[in-house]
Structure formats: structure tokens, C-alpha cells
Amino acid sequence: MGKAQHDRVALSLPLSISHAGALGRSVSLAQLIATWANASPEKHVRTRLDTEDCDNIERFSSRLHGLAAAYFADRITGADGQANLRRTLLKAATSRICAMSERRYENTAKGRLTELIFLHGATRQFHSAAYLREPTPWDVMDPQRHGELVVSPREMNALVRQALQAHQLPKADFARIAPLLDRRDVPLGTLLHEAFRNTAEHAYLNLGGRVPYRGLRCILIAVRSVNPQELHPGALVSTEHPELESYCAGLRGLAKQGFRRLVHFLELSVLDTGPGFAATIANRAKEGMKDGMEDTELVTWCFDEHVSSKRGPNSGLGLGRVLHHVNELDGFLRIRTSSTEVAFTSRLRALDTNMAPHVVGGLPEVIGTALTMAVPLRA
């Protein structure tokens, strides 16, 4: 392969993404990496890593985008452009994967961020953090059985609490979050349970019903502190949003209530690199459900009808429940799938007072589904 062709397929990644990772951007970057790897004949990632810099190698492998790169790429080069660092990065991530399995979140958290990553084909790929037991290959092939192995809403809420305690948050910050976890009706962990369980069908299986060679799922739990000037619609979604500026303005007002002049969020994100929510619905459409509809039409119809892309007695409950409770918490929800982005804030309502997400199509095609729920934390 000539150098020009080689450079054309290479993907350059930063060592860190700082605040750009907030509010779903880190899972979206991992989704981009998986999409690029799915379409590239040679999966080469370029970084600025120094092969002798163990600290930066450890730091890069501990982030979702770094681990996703090491997992999906065939070759990762550092600043010298020569040595293949893929094995080194995967080895550096091993202890962290084991810590997830053993629920040692203090060895998983990085600052105020915990990422629980499930890699198809890896050792302990379905670790105990989110599953009742290790699913068998037959469980993976049957989305209904796979979904039933996800821990209960109560246990998922406990997982969120344990992960946040491992962050060693200041007491004031944890005091903002505790009421959300202690709610009697729907604790915050229930939303994470709904999002994770209801993506089972399109998490691993391709549209032909087979498990691909490589697949990734992730649960991200983070406390984000965002500068008010950085909180604008362009930081949250890809295109113009009719009500998002009003929502952001309201959140910027929260910064005036605290002495640090920052807007605080609790972020819960779920990522999978399967076919994706929209593609799965479209595949079902071929069976006569809604033939001939575009991605945006399918997704809008799905929300309007409170149905879902999965089969079984619980189909249609997940998205409706998530939307309802995100609205109750004055939260923000973003879903990126196929060529479509869904955004929802508590300011968005249909004329009949039902919740109506804002759906935009025509975006660059991606595989998988990235779903982010962000709840503002009051002072």
C-alpha cells in the first residue's frame, strides 16, 4: 500500500478530549471509531503517544475512545509512526477490565467518570457489574434472554451509587445526587436499567441475526462540571434545535446559584456498536411493519407510538418510560443512531402535552446507538 493510500484510511485521535467528552460526546466518539473501523480496509489509528511514556499509554487506554481504538483497530502508531501500540494498550487496559468484573470501582473510576465496558470476544466480556450471570452464546443470540440477564433496576441503581462513591465526590456534590438515587417511585438507576436492557436486540447481533467479530457495549456514569459559556446547543447536538437554546439558558442560570459558577450534571450514557436502533427498526419494516419510511420517519413513528425495536412482552415500554422520567427531572436526552439524531429536553412538548422529541436526519451514517441522559444538579 502506498503512503498516500495509507494516510487516507488512517484515523488520528487526540490523547484526551477533556470537557468535549461531556454530555454524550465521549460515547459518540467511540461510536465514530467503530463506524470508521467497520468501513475501513486497513484499520490504522495514529496518535501522539510516545512509546516510552507509560503514563500517557495508561491514560489513553483508560478512556473509552482509547480502548475503543485499541479494540477496533488493527494497528495503532504513536508519535514515531512506526511501532504498533495496539497490544501494549490492550494489556494496559486488562487490569481495569478485571476491576469492572470484580466491582472495584475505585480502580475503574477516573476522576468523576466511570466507564463500564463490555467487549465481545474479550475475557469476562459480560462481567458482573451489569449482568446476573455470564450469558451463554445462546443467551447472546436471543435478545429476550439476553435482556433478562441484566441486573434489576434496584441493583442498577446500587451500581450507580457505588460508582459515584468511588469518584470520591465532595459532600456537597453527592448531596445533590442522593435524592435522585433515593426516589421511591423511579430511582435514577432505573433509567439506566431501561436504556441498557432495551438495547439488547441491537447491541451485538447484526441484521442477519449473527454475532459480529467485534462488538462493544458501554455504560458511562459521570459527574460533569461545565463552564456556562461552553453550554450551548452546538455542544449538545449536531444541528439546530428549536428549543435547546432556551433550555441551555435556563441551565446557565443554575451556575449563578453556586459559588463555583459551573453547571453540574449527572450523565448516564449507554453505547452499543451493533446495527443500531434505527437500522433495527428499518429491518423490521422489511417484514411489513412500516415499509418505505426514512430513518427519521421510523424513529419519529417509534416515539409517537411508544413502540421499540425489540420483540417480546415488554416491547415499547423502555423509551416511553425514559422520556417521561427525563422530563420529570428537567433533563436532556440525546440518541445518535444511523443517519438520525434524537434530542429531547423538558422544554419540548407536543401541543397535546405529550412529550415529543426533536428528530433530525441526513447526518453522516454511524453504526450502533449512543444514548445519553443528563440531569442537572441543583445547588
Foldseek 3Di string as FASTA:
>chain_A
DDPVVVVVLEAEDELDDPQLPPQQNQLVLLLVLLQSLVPGPAFEYEYADDPPPPVSLLSSLLGSNSVSSLQSHPAYYHNVRDDGCSVVSVVSCVVLQVCLLVVVLLSQDDQFKHKHKAKPPDVCNPGPLFFQDDDDPVCLLDLVSVLVRGDDLLSLLVSLVSNRVSNVDDPVVVVLQVVQSPDPPHRPSNLLSLVVSQCSVQQAAALVSHGDPIKMKMKMWGKDWAQLVCQAPVSNDPDDDDCRRVLSVVQQVLLVVDPVSTWIKIKIKMWIQGQAFLVLQQSVVVVPPPPPDDSLVSVQVCVVVQAGSDDDPCGSPRVQVSLVVLLVLQKWKWKDAFQKIWIFGVVAADPVRHHGIDMDGPHHGTGIMMMMIMGIGHD
